[in-house]
C-alpha cells in the first residue's frame, strides 16, 4: 500500500502542476477561479489521472506525454462534482461545504462550465499528431456526453417507485464508469496503442467503475464522515437508487418495503430514520450483497486488464483497482 501511495502522490504532483497551465491560481476574476481551486485543492487521490498515465506506460508510451490528457480527466472529474452537488443538493464534498454552498449556486455553475471548456483545451494541448489528437478529443466528447446521459438516467430512476438492480447498474455504467473508462482509454490513445488494447482499457474502466461506485454508495451508509468527506446517509435523503436499495426492494417484506420507500428521498428525514434504513439494509443482507457485487465487477475488470502485456505498470493498475474496493474514503 505504501508503494501505491507513493505512485499516487508522484502522479498527483505532476497532474496538479499541469492543471495550473490551464487554470491559473491567480486568474481573474476571482469569482471564476476561486471556486475551481477551492475544490481542486481539497485533494482527492487523483487515481483517475493516475490511470491515464499508467495505461499509457502499460502499452509502451511515455507517461509525460499523457500529462495533458491526465489533467483533462481530473478537470472533468471535478467539474462533474460541482454540478452533481448542485443537482443533488448535497452539503459536503471532501469534508467541507460544497462549492455551491460556499460561493453560491450561480458562481458554482459558471466555474463548472469553465472547467468543462478547459477539459478540451487540455486534451487538445498535447504534442500529438493530428489523427491521434482528434481521436483523443473525440473520445473525451463521447464520454463527457455519456456522463451527462448517466445523470439524466439517474434523474429518471430516482423518481421511480419501481426499480431493479439492472436499472441501477445502467446508471453506473453511463456515469461513474464512463469517466473511469475515459481515463484508461486516454492513456492508450496517447501511446498509440492497438485496438485490442484500447478495448481492454475500456472494459477495465467500465467494470471497475461500477465496482468503485458501489463501494462509494456503501461508504455513504457505513463510512466515517471524517474519512469519507460527505454526509453519511446523504444518498438516502436524496432518494438515490443504489444497489442496496434495489436489493432491499426485491428482498424485503411488503411492510418493510413500504416503510423503506416512505423514507427514501424524504428531505426532512431524521438521523434516527437514516439509522432505520441502514438497519433494514443489514437485515436483508443488502450491504454484503453490494460488497460481493463490487468485488465481482473489479475481478471482471482485472480479467480485461490481463490482456495487456505484463509489466510493472499493469501490476500497479491492478493494485489500484483492488484498493478502489477496499478503501475507507
Foldseek 3Di string as FASTA:
>chain_A
DVVLLVLLVVLLVLLVVLLCVLQPCPDPDCLQRVLLVVQVVLDDSLVLLSLLLLLLVLQPHHSVLLSLLSNLLVLLVVLVQLVVCVVLVFAWDSQHGHSCVVNNNVSSNNNSVSSNVSSLVSLQPGPDPPVLSVVLSVLVVVLSVLQVVLVVLQVVVLPDLDDAQVSQLSSQLSHQLSSSLSSNLSSCSSNVHDPLSNVLSSLLSSLLSSLLVLLLLLLLAVADCNFNGGHRLSQQLSSGDHQLLNLLCVQDDPVVNVLSSVRRNNNPDDPVVSVVNVVSSVVRVSSVVSLVSSVVSNVSSLVSLVVGDDDPSSVSVNVVSVCSSVDRD
